[in-house]
Protein backbone atom coordinates (compact mmCIF):
# COMPACT_ATOMS: atom_id res chain seq x y z
CA MET A 1 0.02 -0.07 -0.03
CA LEU A 2 2.66 2.48 1.02
CA SER A 3 4.64 1.57 -2.21
CA ARG A 4 1.72 2.56 -4.44
CA VAL A 5 1.16 5.77 -2.76
CA ALA A 6 4.92 6.50 -2.76
CA ARG A 7 5.08 5.95 -6.37
CA PHE A 8 2.25 8.27 -6.96
CA LEU A 9 3.88 11.06 -4.75
CA GLU A 10 7.30 10.54 -6.40
CA SER A 11 5.85 10.95 -9.95
CA ARG A 12 4.16 14.18 -8.70
CA LEU A 13 7.23 15.54 -6.98
CA ASN A 14 9.86 14.61 -9.70
CA LYS A 15 9.11 15.96 -13.02
CA ASP A 16 10.98 14.92 -16.17
CA ASP A 17 12.96 18.17 -16.23
CA GLY A 18 14.43 17.27 -12.67
CA SER A 19 12.40 20.09 -11.08
CA THR A 20 10.36 19.65 -8.01
CA SER A 21 6.64 20.91 -8.14
CA SER A 22 4.66 22.06 -5.31
CA LEU A 23 2.16 19.59 -3.89
CA SER A 24 -1.56 20.26 -4.15
CA GLU A 25 -3.97 19.95 -1.42
CA ASP A 26 -4.93 16.48 -2.94
CA ASP A 27 -1.38 15.33 -2.54
CA LYS A 28 -1.35 16.38 1.11
CA GLN A 29 -4.66 14.54 1.71
CA LEU A 30 -3.26 11.45 -0.10
CA ALA A 31 -0.18 11.43 2.25
CA ALA A 32 -2.52 11.76 5.28
CA ALA A 33 -4.73 8.98 4.00
CA ALA A 34 -1.72 6.69 3.57
CA LEU A 35 -0.69 7.22 7.20
CA LEU A 36 -4.26 6.57 8.33
CA MET A 37 -4.26 3.35 6.25
CA GLU A 38 -0.98 2.32 7.87
CA VAL A 39 -2.50 2.58 11.33
CA ALA A 40 -5.62 0.69 10.35
CA ALA A 41 -3.44 -2.14 8.98
CA ALA A 42 -0.82 -2.15 11.64
CA ASP A 43 -2.34 -5.01 13.63
CA SER A 44 -2.81 -7.01 10.47
CA VAL A 45 -6.64 -6.83 10.93
CA PHE A 46 -8.53 -4.06 9.19
CA GLU A 47 -11.75 -4.14 11.31
CA PRO A 48 -14.91 -2.79 10.02
CA ALA A 49 -14.90 -0.02 12.76
CA GLU A 50 -11.55 1.09 11.64
CA LEU A 51 -12.66 1.21 8.04
CA GLY A 52 -15.60 3.33 9.19
CA ALA A 53 -13.42 5.66 11.26
CA PHE A 54 -10.81 5.92 8.30
CA LYS A 55 -13.67 6.94 5.88
CA GLN A 56 -15.23 9.37 8.49
CA GLU A 57 -11.85 10.89 9.26
CA LEU A 58 -11.08 11.53 5.51
CA GLN A 59 -14.49 12.96 4.82
CA ASN A 60 -14.68 15.27 7.74
CA VAL A 61 -11.15 16.33 8.39
CA TYR A 62 -9.73 16.20 4.91
CA LYS A 63 -12.81 17.16 3.03
CA LEU A 64 -12.86 14.19 0.64
CA SER A 65 -15.99 12.93 -0.98
CA ALA A 66 -17.22 9.38 -0.31
CA GLN A 67 -16.20 8.66 -3.87
CA GLU A 68 -12.70 9.92 -3.33
CA VAL A 69 -12.47 7.94 -0.10
CA ASP A 70 -13.57 4.74 -1.88
CA GLU A 71 -11.16 5.21 -4.68
CA LEU A 72 -8.34 5.72 -2.16
CA GLN A 73 -9.34 2.61 -0.18
CA ALA A 74 -9.54 0.59 -3.35
CA ARG A 75 -6.00 1.51 -4.31
CA ALA A 76 -4.74 1.04 -0.88
CA GLY A 77 -6.67 -2.20 -0.18
CA SER A 78 -3.90 -4.82 -0.48
CA ARG A 79 -0.97 -3.87 1.56
CA GLN A 80 2.38 -4.80 0.09
CA GLU A 81 4.79 -6.83 2.21
CA ASN A 82 7.81 -4.76 1.28
CA ALA A 83 6.37 -1.27 2.11
CA THR A 84 8.61 1.72 2.01
CA SER A 85 9.18 3.91 5.02
CA LEU A 86 6.85 6.36 6.42
CA TYR A 87 9.30 9.19 5.79
CA GLN A 88 8.09 10.09 2.36
CA PHE A 89 4.65 10.72 3.76
CA THR A 90 5.67 12.50 6.82
CA GLN A 91 7.93 14.66 4.64
CA VAL A 92 4.89 15.87 2.78
CA VAL A 93 3.25 16.55 6.16
CA ASN A 94 6.12 18.60 7.38
CA ASP A 95 6.62 20.47 4.11
CA GLN A 96 2.85 21.21 3.60
CA CYS A 97 1.11 21.25 6.87
CA SER A 98 0.70 23.73 9.74
CA ARG A 99 1.05 22.60 13.42
CA GLU A 100 -2.76 22.38 13.77
CA GLU A 101 -2.99 20.10 10.66
CA LYS A 102 -0.27 17.84 12.16
CA PHE A 103 -2.16 17.82 15.41
CA ASN A 104 -5.40 16.93 13.56
CA LEU A 105 -3.62 14.17 11.65
CA ILE A 106 -2.33 12.45 14.77
CA LYS A 107 -5.78 12.83 16.39
CA SER A 108 -7.26 11.17 13.26
CA MET A 109 -4.68 8.29 13.51
CA TRP A 110 -5.74 7.74 17.09
CA GLN A 111 -9.46 7.82 16.01
CA VAL A 112 -8.84 5.08 13.47
CA ALA A 113 -6.69 3.07 15.94
CA LEU A 114 -9.33 3.28 18.82
CA ALA A 115 -12.28 2.62 16.56
CA ASP A 116 -12.46 -1.11 17.26
CA GLY A 117 -12.35 -0.53 20.99
CA GLU A 118 -8.76 -2.16 21.17
CA LEU A 119 -5.49 -0.28 20.98
CA ASP A 120 -2.81 -2.61 19.49
CA LYS A 121 0.80 -1.88 20.42
CA TYR A 122 1.71 -1.62 16.74
CA GLU A 123 -0.87 0.90 16.11
CA GLU A 124 0.46 3.00 18.96
CA HIS A 125 3.86 2.58 17.77
CA ILE A 126 3.06 3.86 14.23
CA ILE A 127 1.26 6.89 15.81
CA ARG A 128 4.10 7.71 18.01
CA ARG A 129 6.55 7.17 15.15
CA VAL A 130 4.65 9.54 12.81
CA ALA A 131 4.23 12.17 15.63
CA GLU A 132 8.05 12.11 16.05
CA LEU A 133 8.74 12.34 12.33
CA ILE A 134 6.40 15.35 11.97
CA TYR A 135 7.96 17.06 15.07
CA LEU A 136 4.80 17.03 17.01
CA SER A 137 5.49 17.53 20.75
CA HIS A 138 4.79 14.81 23.20
CA THR A 139 2.40 16.92 25.02
CA ASP A 140 0.49 17.35 21.68
CA PHE A 141 0.72 13.67 21.14
CA LEU A 142 -1.06 13.05 24.40
CA VAL A 143 -3.58 15.78 23.95
CA ALA A 144 -4.53 14.26 20.55
CA ARG A 145 -4.77 10.83 22.06
CA ASN A 146 -6.99 12.10 24.94
CA ALA A 147 -9.14 14.03 22.46
CA ALA A 148 -9.75 10.94 20.29
CA ARG A 149 -10.79 9.06 23.50
CA GLY A 150 -13.15 11.78 24.34
CA GLU A 151 -11.36 12.79 27.66
């Protein structure tokens, strides 16, 4: 899954003339969606509740239509074993997102991870890793978690 999205982003970033184009809002949303999918798939079980939270977060926070969410889900549906690192997605987030958008991304990741009522250690690890890679403070990491829990 990450490999497919990575290839798409690389093709958008690296033009034939070697120049780097600016990313559009759609590209930023695609990077966020890839990170949300990674959390949902972290425990090797993509629960219906997680899928529902994934779709709801993309529609509400990232302003994607139901059709766009379904398209993304179809492309990201089968996760590849040799996925690339999270860095290419977190780099897009760092380059294109404000602190508030980063916070909302981590909160959305928590929403997806908690949707099935169980927090797997792998889900938490990915969220923690992404928070570190996007330079979100530990305090914001905890506030986002508590907000997702409704605390």
